[in-house]
């Protein structure tokens, strides 16, 4: 619609991902993939079948720190009194400076 190749490429990539990874054989679509992952801190090790494995936790890679959000959205919001895009994002999504999730989770 816009004529921008970048937008067309992004749309194609999303459609490919959905059709490849989120499609069910019966014709429906899954809403998400399994988010279990090893936390950045490594997490505790556990014995599984005689081998040491890092313990996975739900959504470990889906957690962002306030500092990471600020690094991603440093631009000032036009017409504001010094607010950044990060400030708007954090307010809208309820991101707290000290975190919304207990680091042990």
PDB file of N, CA and C in Angstrom:
ATOM      1  N   UNK A   1       0.828  -1.192   0.000  1.00  0.00           N
ATOM      2  CA  UNK A   1       0.000   0.000   0.000  1.00  0.00           C
ATOM      3  C   UNK A   1       0.870   1.254   0.000  1.00  0.00           C
ATOM      4  N   UNK A   2       1.937   1.258   0.831  1.00  0.00           N
ATOM      5  CA  UNK A   2       2.779   2.447   0.933  1.00  0.00           C
ATOM      6  C   UNK A   2       3.798   2.550  -0.197  1.00  0.00           C
ATOM      7  N   UNK A   3       4.097   1.409  -0.839  1.00  0.00           N
ATOM      8  CA  UNK A   3       5.134   1.401  -1.851  1.00  0.00           C
ATOM      9  C   UNK A   3       6.533   1.225  -1.285  1.00  0.00           C
ATOM     10  N   UNK A   4       6.656   1.135   0.048  1.00  0.00           N
ATOM     11  CA  UNK A   4       7.957   0.955   0.710  1.00  0.00           C
ATOM     12  C   UNK A   4       8.327  -0.525   0.714  1.00  0.00           C
ATOM     13  N   UNK A   5       9.454  -0.877   0.124  1.00  0.00           N
ATOM     14  CA  UNK A   5       9.891  -2.269   0.061  1.00  0.00           C
ATOM     15  C   UNK A   5      10.139  -2.848   1.452  1.00  0.00           C
ATOM     16  N   UNK A   6      10.671  -2.018   2.370  1.00  0.00           N
ATOM     17  CA  UNK A   6      10.925  -2.483   3.736  1.00  0.00           C
ATOM     18  C   UNK A   6       9.652  -3.008   4.385  1.00  0.00           C
ATOM     19  N   UNK A   7       8.552  -2.289   4.233  1.00  0.00           N
ATOM     20  CA  UNK A   7       7.286  -2.713   4.821  1.00  0.00           C
ATOM     21  C   UNK A   7       6.805  -4.026   4.204  1.00  0.00           C
ATOM     22  N   UNK A   8       6.981  -4.157   2.896  1.00  0.00           N
ATOM     23  CA  UNK A   8       6.593  -5.396   2.216  1.00  0.00           C
ATOM     24  C   UNK A   8       7.432  -6.561   2.708  1.00  0.00           C
ATOM     25  N   UNK A   9       8.738  -6.331   2.893  1.00  0.00           N
ATOM     26  CA  UNK A   9       9.631  -7.386   3.381  1.00  0.00           C
ATOM     27  C   UNK A   9       9.256  -7.826   4.798  1.00  0.00           C
ATOM     28  N   UNK A  10       8.954  -6.861   5.663  1.00  0.00           N
ATOM     29  CA  UNK A  10       8.558  -7.183   7.037  1.00  0.00           C
ATOM     30  C   UNK A  10       7.262  -7.990   7.033  1.00  0.00           C
ATOM     31  N   UNK A  11       6.288  -7.576   6.250  1.00  0.00           N
ATOM     32  CA  UNK A  11       5.011  -8.295   6.171  1.00  0.00           C
ATOM     33  C   UNK A  11       5.227  -9.722   5.671  1.00  0.00           C
ATOM     34  N   UNK A  12       6.059  -9.888   4.654  1.00  0.00           N
ATOM     35  CA  UNK A  12       6.346 -11.228   4.129  1.00  0.00           C
ATOM     36  C   UNK A  12       7.022 -12.101   5.185  1.00  0.00           C
ATOM     37  N   UNK A  13       7.978 -11.516   5.936  1.00  0.00           N
ATOM     38  CA  UNK A  13       8.664 -12.272   6.989  1.00  0.00           C
ATOM     39  C   UNK A  13       7.690 -12.729   8.071  1.00  0.00           C
ATOM     40  N   UNK A  14       6.775 -11.853   8.445  1.00  0.00           N
ATOM     41  CA  UNK A  14       5.784 -12.201   9.471  1.00  0.00           C
ATOM     42  C   UNK A  14       4.867 -13.311   8.961  1.00  0.00           C
ATOM     43  N   UNK A  15       4.391 -13.187   7.748  1.00  0.00           N
ATOM     44  CA  UNK A  15       3.507 -14.215   7.190  1.00  0.00           C
ATOM     45  C   UNK A  15       4.217 -15.556   7.054  1.00  0.00           C
ATOM     46  N   UNK A  16       5.484 -15.537   6.674  1.00  0.00           N
ATOM     47  CA  UNK A  16       6.263 -16.768   6.582  1.00  0.00           C
ATOM     48  C   UNK A  16       6.399 -17.416   7.963  1.00  0.00           C
ATOM     49  N   UNK A  17       6.725 -16.610   8.972  1.00  0.00           N
ATOM     50  CA  UNK A  17       6.861 -17.117  10.343  1.00  0.00           C
ATOM     51  C   UNK A  17       5.555 -17.731  10.831  1.00  0.00           C
ATOM     52  N   UNK A  18       4.449 -17.026  10.637  1.00  0.00           N
ATOM     53  CA  UNK A  18       3.151 -17.525  11.098  1.00  0.00           C
ATOM     54  C   UNK A  18       2.790 -18.822  10.377  1.00  0.00           C
ATOM     55  N   UNK A  19       2.981 -18.849   9.071  1.00  0.00           N
ATOM     56  CA  UNK A  19       2.616 -20.058   8.335  1.00  0.00           C
ATOM     57  C   UNK A  19       3.543 -21.228   8.659  1.00  0.00           C
ATOM     58  N   UNK A  20       4.809 -20.950   8.930  1.00  0.00           N
ATOM     59  CA  UNK A  20       5.776 -22.007   9.215  1.00  0.00           C
ATOM     60  C   UNK A  20       5.704 -22.490  10.677  1.00  0.00           C
ATOM     61  N   UNK A  21       5.645 -21.539  11.623  1.00  0.00           N
ATOM     62  CA  UNK A  21       5.807 -21.890  13.035  1.00  0.00           C
ATOM     63  C   UNK A  21       4.541 -21.821  13.884  1.00  0.00           C
ATOM     64  N   UNK A  22       3.542 -21.111  13.446  1.00  0.00           N
ATOM     65  CA  UNK A  22       2.341 -20.930  14.279  1.00  0.00           C
ATOM     66  C   UNK A  22       1.083 -21.534  13.673  1.00  0.00           C
ATOM     67  N   UNK A  23       1.232 -22.305  12.611  1.00  0.00           N
ATOM     68  CA  UNK A  23       0.060 -22.893  11.957  1.00  0.00           C
ATOM     69  C   UNK A  23      -0.159 -24.329  12.404  1.00  0.00           C
ATOM     70  N   UNK A  24      -1.412 -24.665  12.685  1.00  0.00           N
ATOM     71  CA  UNK A  24      -1.780 -26.025  13.059  1.00  0.00           C
ATOM     72  C   UNK A  24      -2.212 -26.783  11.802  1.00  0.00           C
ATOM     73  N   UNK A  25      -1.999 -28.103  11.820  1.00  0.00           N
ATOM     74  CA  UNK A  25      -2.369 -28.936  10.664  1.00  0.00           C
ATOM     75  C   UNK A  25      -3.850 -28.823  10.318  1.00  0.00           C
ATOM     76  N   UNK A  26      -4.694 -28.547  11.318  1.00  0.00           N
ATOM     77  CA  UNK A  26      -6.132 -28.484  11.079  1.00  0.00           C
ATOM     78  C   UNK A  26      -6.572 -27.167  10.449  1.00  0.00           C
ATOM     79  N   UNK A  27      -5.632 -26.230  10.288  1.00  0.00           N
ATOM     80  CA  UNK A  27      -5.963 -24.971   9.628  1.00  0.00           C
ATOM     81  C   UNK A  27      -5.976 -23.757  10.538  1.00  0.00           C
ATOM     82  N   UNK A  28      -5.920 -23.971  11.843  1.00  0.00           N
ATOM     83  CA  UNK A  28      -5.911 -22.852  12.775  1.00  0.00           C
ATOM     84  C   UNK A  28      -4.499 -22.339  13.029  1.00  0.00           C
ATOM     85  N   UNK A  29      -4.410 -21.384  13.941  1.00  0.00           N
ATOM     86  CA  UNK A  29      -3.124 -20.791  14.293  1.00  0.00           C
ATOM     87  C   UNK A  29      -2.931 -20.817  15.797  1.00  0.00           C
ATOM     88  N   UNK A  30      -1.695 -21.031  16.213  1.00  0.00           N
ATOM     89  CA  UNK A  30      -1.330 -20.924  17.627  1.00  0.00           C
ATOM     90  C   UNK A  30      -1.104 -19.452  17.947  1.00  0.00           C
ATOM     91  N   UNK A  31      -1.352 -19.074  19.198  1.00  0.00           N
ATOM     92  CA  UNK A  31      -1.174 -17.674  19.580  1.00  0.00           C
ATOM     93  C   UNK A  31       0.235 -17.378  20.075  1.00  0.00           C
ATOM     94  N   UNK A  32       1.003 -18.421  20.400  1.00  0.00           N
ATOM     95  CA  UNK A  32       2.359 -18.200  20.920  1.00  0.00           C
ATOM     96  C   UNK A  32       3.154 -19.485  20.830  1.00  0.00           C
ATOM     97  N   UNK A  33       4.459 -19.332  20.981  1.00  0.00           N
ATOM     98  CA  UNK A  33       5.341 -20.489  21.101  1.00  0.00           C
ATOM     99  C   UNK A  33       5.695 -20.662  22.573  1.00  0.00           C
ATOM    100  N   UNK A  34       6.275 -21.780  22.933  1.00  0.00           N
ATOM    101  CA  UNK A  34       6.711 -22.024  24.295  1.00  0.00           C
ATOM    102  C   UNK A  34       7.802 -21.023  24.647  1.00  0.00           C
ATOM    103  N   UNK A  35       7.656 -20.332  25.770  1.00  0.00           N
ATOM    104  CA  UNK A  35       8.606 -19.289  26.152  1.00  0.00           C
ATOM    105  C   UNK A  35       9.617 -19.756  27.194  1.00  0.00           C
ATOM    106  N   UNK A  36       9.664 -21.058  27.486  1.00  0.00           N
ATOM    107  CA  UNK A  36      10.650 -21.531  28.457  1.00  0.00           C
ATOM    108  C   UNK A  36      12.049 -21.269  27.924  1.00  0.00           C
ATOM    109  N   UNK A  37      12.889 -20.666  28.755  1.00  0.00           N
ATOM    110  CA  UNK A  37      14.253 -20.374  28.356  1.00  0.00           C
ATOM    111  C   UNK A  37      15.121 -20.249  29.605  1.00  0.00           C
ATOM    112  N   UNK A  38      16.424 -20.355  29.416  1.00  0.00           N
ATOM    113  CA  UNK A  38      17.364 -20.223  30.530  1.00  0.00           C
ATOM    114  C   UNK A  38      17.542 -18.737  30.816  1.00  0.00           C
ATOM    115  N   UNK A  39      17.324 -18.295  32.059  1.00  0.00           N
ATOM    116  CA  UNK A  39      17.498 -16.884  32.395  1.00  0.00           C
ATOM    117  C   UNK A  39      18.917 -16.410  32.097  1.00  0.00           C
ATOM    118  N   UNK A  40      19.071 -15.111  31.843  1.00  0.00           N
ATOM    119  CA  UNK A  40      20.376 -14.535  31.533  1.00  0.00           C
ATOM    120  C   UNK A  40      21.387 -14.798  32.646  1.00  0.00           C
ATOM    121  N   UNK A  41      20.906 -14.887  33.883  1.00  0.00           N
ATOM    122  CA  UNK A  41      21.810 -15.139  35.004  1.00  0.00           C
ATOM    123  C   UNK A  41      22.243 -16.597  35.060  1.00  0.00           C
ATOM    124  N   UNK A  42      21.733 -17.426  34.170  1.00  0.00           N
ATOM    125  CA  UNK A  42      22.106 -18.830  34.125  1.00  0.00           C
ATOM    126  C   UNK A  42      21.119 -19.718  34.827  1.00  0.00           C
ATOM    127  N   UNK A  43      20.675 -19.330  35.995  1.00  0.00           N
ATOM    128  CA  UNK A  43      19.712 -20.132  36.736  1.00  0.00           C
ATOM    129  C   UNK A  43      20.364 -21.338  37.378  1.00  0.00           C
ATOM    130  N   UNK A  44      19.662 -21.930  38.325  1.00  0.00           N
ATOM    131  CA  UNK A  44      20.221 -23.096  39.008  1.00  0.00           C
ATOM    132  C   UNK A  44      20.285 -24.306  38.097  1.00  0.00           C
ATOM    133  N   UNK A  45      21.247 -25.169  38.364  1.00  0.00           N
ATOM    134  CA  UNK A  45      21.358 -26.400  37.588  1.00  0.00           C
ATOM    135  C   UNK A  45      20.548 -27.485  38.273  1.00  0.00           C
ATOM    136  N   UNK A  46      20.026 -28.404  37.492  1.00  0.00           N
ATOM    137  CA  UNK A  46      19.294 -29.522  38.057  1.00  0.00           C
ATOM    138  C   UNK A  46      19.718 -30.786  37.326  1.00  0.00           C
ATOM    139  N   UNK A  47      19.595 -31.894  37.995  1.00  0.00           N
ATOM    140  CA  UNK A  47      19.928 -33.186  37.389  1.00  0.00           C
ATOM    141  C   UNK A  47      18.720 -33.674  36.618  1.00  0.00           C
ATOM    142  N   UNK A  48      18.943 -34.068  35.387  1.00  0.00           N
ATOM    143  CA  UNK A  48      17.854 -34.578  34.566  1.00  0.00           C
ATOM    144  C   UNK A  48      18.403 -35.756  33.769  1.00  0.00           C
ATOM    145  N   UNK A  49      17.960 -36.955  34.100  1.00  0.00           N
ATOM    146  CA  UNK A  49      18.445 -38.138  33.396  1.00  0.00           C
ATOM    147  C   UNK A  49      19.932 -38.357  33.584  1.00  0.00           C
ATOM    148  N   UNK A  50      20.441 -37.958  34.738  1.00  0.00           N
ATOM    149  CA  UNK A  50      21.849 -38.163  35.020  1.00  0.00           C
ATOM    150  C   UNK A  50      22.752 -37.060  34.491  1.00  0.00           C
ATOM    151  N   UNK A  51      22.207 -36.090  33.770  1.00  0.00           N
ATOM    152  CA  UNK A  51      23.025 -35.007  33.222  1.00  0.00           C
ATOM    153  C   UNK A  51      22.624 -33.679  33.857  1.00  0.00           C
ATOM    154  N   UNK A  52      23.616 -32.816  34.038  1.00  0.00           N
ATOM    155  CA  UNK A  52      23.326 -31.481  34.548  1.00  0.00           C
ATOM    156  C   UNK A  52      22.728 -30.647  33.428  1.00  0.00           C
ATOM    157  N   UNK A  53      21.644 -29.944  33.735  1.00  0.00           N
ATOM    158  CA  UNK A  53      21.019 -29.051  32.762  1.00  0.00           C
ATOM    159  C   UNK A  53      20.670 -27.757  33.472  1.00  0.00           C
ATOM    160  N   UNK A  54      20.753 -26.660  32.730  1.00  0.00           N
ATOM    161  CA  UNK A  54      20.335 -25.380  33.293  1.00  0.00           C
ATOM    162  C   UNK A  54      18.812 -25.400  33.389  1.00  0.00           C
ATOM    163  N   UNK A  55      18.299 -24.919  34.505  1.00  0.00           N
ATOM    164  CA  UNK A  55      16.854 -24.918  34.706  1.00  0.00           C
ATOM    165  C   UNK A  55      16.207 -23.822  33.867  1.00  0.00           C
ATOM    166  N   UNK A  56      15.248 -24.207  33.058  1.00  0.00           N
ATOM    167  CA  UNK A  56      14.524 -23.238  32.242  1.00  0.00           C
ATOM    168  C   UNK A  56      13.364 -22.672  33.036  1.00  0.00           C
ATOM    169  N   UNK A  57      13.032 -21.448  32.712  1.00  0.00           N
ATOM    170  CA  UNK A  57      11.901 -20.792  33.356  1.00  0.00           C
ATOM    171  C   UNK A  57      11.033 -20.149  32.293  1.00  0.00           C
ATOM    172  N   UNK A  58       9.757 -20.029  32.593  1.00  0.00           N
ATOM    173  CA  UNK A  58       8.803 -19.465  31.650  1.00  0.00           C
ATOM    174  C   UNK A  58       9.133 -18.004  31.353  1.00  0.00           C
ATOM    175  N   UNK A  59       9.355 -17.688  30.084  1.00  0.00           N
ATOM    176  CA  UNK A  59       9.511 -16.310  29.645  1.00  0.00           C
ATOM    177  C   UNK A  59      10.759 -15.583  30.067  1.00  0.00           C
ATOM    178  N   UNK A  60      11.850 -16.284  30.360  1.00  0.00           N
ATOM    179  CA  UNK A  60      13.061 -15.613  30.838  1.00  0.00           C
ATOM    180  C   UNK A  60      13.562 -14.557  29.859  1.00  0.00           C
ATOM    181  N   UNK A  61      13.406 -14.767  28.564  1.00  0.00           N
ATOM    182  CA  UNK A  61      13.888 -13.796  27.595  1.00  0.00           C
ATOM    183  C   UNK A  61      12.838 -12.747  27.260  1.00  0.00           C
ATOM    184  N   UNK A  62      11.702 -12.796  27.891  1.00  0.00           N
ATOM    185  CA  UNK A  62      10.635 -11.839  27.607  1.00  0.00           C
ATOM    186  C   UNK A  62      10.610 -10.704  28.624  1.00  0.00           C
ATOM    187  N   UNK A  63      11.603 -10.623  29.485  1.00  0.00           N
ATOM    188  CA  UNK A  63      11.649  -9.615  30.530  1.00  0.00           C
ATOM    189  C   UNK A  63      12.680  -8.557  30.155  1.00  0.00           C
ATOM    190  N   UNK A  64      12.272  -7.294  30.189  1.00  0.00           N
ATOM    191  CA  UNK A  64      13.152  -6.178  29.859  1.00  0.00           C
ATOM    192  C   UNK A  64      13.345  -5.333  31.110  1.00  0.00           C
ATOM    193  N   UNK A  65      14.530  -4.794  31.278  1.00  0.00           N
ATOM    194  CA  UNK A  65      14.773  -3.868  32.379  1.00  0.00           C
ATOM    195  C   UNK A  65      14.405  -2.462  31.922  1.00  0.00           C
ATOM    196  N   UNK A  66      14.181  -1.585  32.894  1.00  0.00           N
ATOM    197  CA  UNK A  66      13.880  -0.192  32.565  1.00  0.00           C
ATOM    198  C   UNK A  66      15.052   0.419  31.788  1.00  0.00           C
ATOM    199  N   UNK A  67      16.278   0.071  32.153  1.00  0.00           N
ATOM    200  CA  UNK A  67      17.456   0.598  31.457  1.00  0.00           C
ATOM    201  C   UNK A  67      17.475   0.159  29.990  1.00  0.00           C
ATOM    202  N   UNK A  68      17.085  -1.090  29.723  1.00  0.00           N
ATOM    203  CA  UNK A  68      17.039  -1.570  28.339  1.00  0.00           C
ATOM    204  C   UNK A  68      15.990  -0.809  27.530  1.00  0.00           C
ATOM    205  N   UNK A  69      14.840  -0.546  28.149  1.00  0.00           N
ATOM    206  CA  UNK A  69      13.790   0.216  27.463  1.00  0.00           C
ATOM    207  C   UNK A  69      14.293   1.629  27.172  1.00  0.00           C
ATOM    208  N   UNK A  70      14.969   2.235  28.146  1.00  0.00           N
ATOM    209  CA  UNK A  70      15.501   3.595  27.943  1.00  0.00           C
ATOM    210  C   UNK A  70      16.552   3.620  26.825  1.00  0.00           C
ATOM    211  N   UNK A  71      17.372   2.581  26.751  1.00  0.00           N
ATOM    212  CA  UNK A  71      18.383   2.503  25.692  1.00  0.00           C
ATOM    213  C   UNK A  71      17.736   2.366  24.311  1.00  0.00           C
ATOM    214  N   UNK A  72      16.607   1.661  24.245  1.00  0.00           N
ATOM    215  CA  UNK A  72      15.938   1.438  22.965  1.00  0.00           C
ATOM    216  C   UNK A  72      15.146   2.649  22.478  1.00  0.00           C
ATOM    217  N   UNK A  73      14.636   3.451  23.409  1.00  0.00           N
ATOM    218  CA  UNK A  73      13.769   4.583  23.054  1.00  0.00           C
ATOM    219  C   UNK A  73      14.265   5.888  23.676  1.00  0.00           C
ATOM    220  N   UNK A  74      15.464   6.346  23.302  1.00  0.00           N
ATOM    221  CA  UNK A  74      16.029   7.536  23.951  1.00  0.00           C
ATOM    222  C   UNK A  74      15.504   8.863  23.396  1.00  0.00           C
ATOM    223  N   UNK A  75      14.828   8.826  22.260  1.00  0.00           N
ATOM    224  CA  UNK A  75      14.423  10.073  21.605  1.00  0.00           C
ATOM    225  C   UNK A  75      13.411  10.859  22.442  1.00  0.00           C
ATOM    226  N   UNK A  76      13.565  12.180  22.388  1.00  0.00           N
ATOM    227  CA  UNK A  76      12.632  13.064  23.089  1.00  0.00           C
ATOM    228  C   UNK A  76      11.296  13.088  22.344  1.00  0.00           C
ATOM    229  N   UNK A  77      10.223  13.255  23.103  1.00  0.00           N
ATOM    230  CA  UNK A  77       8.885  13.374  22.507  1.00  0.00           C
ATOM    231  C   UNK A  77       8.661  14.847  22.185  1.00  0.00           C
ATOM    232  N   UNK A  78       8.396  15.101  20.925  1.00  0.00           N
ATOM    233  CA  UNK A  78       8.191  16.473  20.463  1.00  0.00           C
ATOM    234  C   UNK A  78       7.024  17.114  21.202  1.00  0.00           C
ATOM    235  N   UNK A  79       7.235  18.343  21.646  1.00  0.00           N
ATOM    236  CA  UNK A  79       6.171  19.084  22.316  1.00  0.00           C
ATOM    237  C   UNK A  79       6.009  18.749  23.791  1.00  0.00           C
ATOM    238  N   UNK A  80       6.877  17.881  24.328  1.00  0.00           N
ATOM    239  CA  UNK A  80       6.784  17.540  25.748  1.00  0.00           C
ATOM    240  C   UNK A  80       7.840  18.325  26.518  1.00  0.00           C
ATOM    241  N   UNK A  81       7.761  18.272  27.815  1.00  0.00           N
ATOM    242  CA  UNK A  81       8.754  18.970  28.645  1.00  0.00           C
ATOM    243  C   UNK A  81       9.865  18.000  29.039  1.00  0.00           C
ATOM    244  N   UNK A  82      10.547  17.444  28.031  1.00  0.00           N
ATOM    245  CA  UNK A  82      11.691  16.578  28.286  1.00  0.00           C
ATOM    246  C   UNK A  82      11.388  15.091  28.356  1.00  0.00           C
ATOM    247  N   UNK A  83      10.152  14.685  28.121  1.00  0.00           N
ATOM    248  CA  UNK A  83       9.818  13.261  28.159  1.00  0.00           C
ATOM    249  C   UNK A  83      10.425  12.553  26.943  1.00  0.00           C
ATOM    250  N   UNK A  84      10.834  11.318  27.153  1.00  0.00           N
ATOM    251  CA  UNK A  84      11.360  10.517  26.049  1.00  0.00           C
ATOM    252  C   UNK A  84      10.312   9.502  25.612  1.00  0.00           C
ATOM    253  N   UNK A  85      10.578   8.868  24.471  1.00  0.00           N
ATOM    254  CA  UNK A  85       9.695   7.794  24.015  1.00  0.00           C
ATOM    255  C   UNK A  85       9.675   6.675  25.048  1.00  0.00           C
ATOM    256  N   UNK A  86      10.806   6.450  25.732  1.00  0.00           N
ATOM    257  CA  UNK A  86      10.855   5.423  26.783  1.00  0.00           C
ATOM    258  C   UNK A  86       9.900   5.771  27.916  1.00  0.00           C
ATOM    259  N   UNK A  87       9.845   7.039  28.295  1.00  0.00           N
ATOM    260  CA  UNK A  87       8.924   7.452  29.367  1.00  0.00           C
ATOM    261  C   UNK A  87       7.475   7.142  28.991  1.00  0.00           C
ATOM    262  N   UNK A  88       7.111   7.424  27.748  1.00  0.00           N
ATOM    263  CA  UNK A  88       5.750   7.152  27.279  1.00  0.00           C
ATOM    264  C   UNK A  88       5.493   5.650  27.275  1.00  0.00           C
ATOM    265  N   UNK A  89       6.427   4.879  26.725  1.00  0.00           N
ATOM    266  CA  UNK A  89       6.299   3.422  26.675  1.00  0.00           C
ATOM    267  C   UNK A  89       6.155   2.845  28.083  1.00  0.00           C
ATOM    268  N   UNK A  90       7.038   3.270  28.991  1.00  0.00           N
ATOM    269  CA  UNK A  90       7.026   2.723  30.351  1.00  0.00           C
ATOM    270  C   UNK A  90       5.743   3.081  31.089  1.00  0.00           C
ATOM    271  N   UNK A  91       5.238   4.275  30.859  1.00  0.00           N
ATOM    272  CA  UNK A  91       3.971   4.671  31.488  1.00  0.00           C
ATOM    273  C   UNK A  91       2.818   3.832  30.935  1.00  0.00           C
ATOM    274  N   UNK A  92       2.785   3.701  29.616  1.00  0.00           N
ATOM    275  CA  UNK A  92       1.690   2.969  28.965  1.00  0.00           C
ATOM    276  C   UNK A  92       1.661   1.500  29.384  1.00  0.00           C
ATOM    277  N   UNK A  93       2.850   0.863  29.474  1.00  0.00           N
ATOM    278  CA  UNK A  93       2.912  -0.562  29.784  1.00  0.00           C
ATOM    279  C   UNK A  93       3.207  -0.850  31.260  1.00  0.00           C
ATOM    280  N   UNK A  94       3.289   0.174  32.090  1.00  0.00           N
ATOM    281  CA  UNK A  94       3.479  -0.028  33.518  1.00  0.00           C
ATOM    282  C   UNK A  94       4.856  -0.544  33.904  1.00  0.00           C
ATOM    283  N   UNK A  95       5.882  -0.194  33.123  1.00  0.00           N
ATOM    284  CA  UNK A  95       7.246  -0.634  33.443  1.00  0.00           C
ATOM    285  C   UNK A  95       7.753   0.162  34.639  1.00  0.00           C
ATOM    286  N   UNK A  96       8.201  -0.547  35.666  1.00  0.00           N
ATOM    287  CA  UNK A  96       8.688   0.102  36.882  1.00  0.00           C
ATOM    288  C   UNK A  96      10.213   0.140  36.865  1.00  0.00           C
ATOM    289  N   UNK A  97      10.796   1.196  37.425  1.00  0.00           N
ATOM    290  CA  UNK A  97      12.256   1.341  37.455  1.00  0.00           C
ATOM    291  C   UNK A  97      12.936   0.137  38.094  1.00  0.00           C
ATOM    292  N   UNK A  98      12.383  -0.375  39.172  1.00  0.00           N
ATOM    293  CA  UNK A  98      13.008  -1.496  39.873  1.00  0.00           C
ATOM    294  C   UNK A  98      12.499  -2.844  39.386  1.00  0.00           C
ATOM    295  N   UNK A  99      11.690  -2.830  38.339  1.00  0.00           N
ATOM    296  CA  UNK A  99      11.214  -4.082  37.752  1.00  0.00           C
ATOM    297  C   UNK A  99       9.804  -4.443  38.155  1.00  0.00           C
ATOM    298  N   UNK A 100       9.166  -5.216  37.295  1.00  0.00           N
ATOM    299  CA  UNK A 100       7.799  -5.680  37.542  1.00  0.00           C
ATOM    300  C   UNK A 100       7.780  -7.147  37.941  1.00  0.00           C
ATOM    301  N   UNK A 101       8.910  -7.827  37.769  1.00  0.00           N
ATOM    302  CA  UNK A 101       8.992  -9.251  38.017  1.00  0.00           C
ATOM    303  C   UNK A 101      10.129  -9.522  38.985  1.00  0.00           C
ATOM    304  N   UNK A 102       9.878 -10.357  39.960  1.00  0.00           N
ATOM    305  CA  UNK A 102      10.918 -10.754  40.898  1.00  0.00           C
ATOM    306  C   UNK A 102      12.043 -11.436  40.113  1.00  0.00           C
ATOM    307  N   UNK A 103      13.296 -10.976  40.262  1.00  0.00           N
ATOM    308  CA  UNK A 103      14.405 -11.567  39.511  1.00  0.00           C
ATOM    309  C   UNK A 103      14.527 -13.078  39.703  1.00  0.00           C
ATOM    310  N   UNK A 104      14.036 -13.622  40.795  1.00  0.00           N
ATOM    311  CA  UNK A 104      14.111 -15.061  41.034  1.00  0.00           C
ATOM    312  C   UNK A 104      13.099 -15.824  40.199  1.00  0.00           C
ATOM    313  N   UNK A 105      12.152 -15.116  39.582  1.00  0.00           N
ATOM    314  CA  UNK A 105      11.178 -15.783  38.709  1.00  0.00           C
ATOM    315  C   UNK A 105      11.795 -15.930  37.349  1.00  0.00           C
TER     316      UNK A 105
END
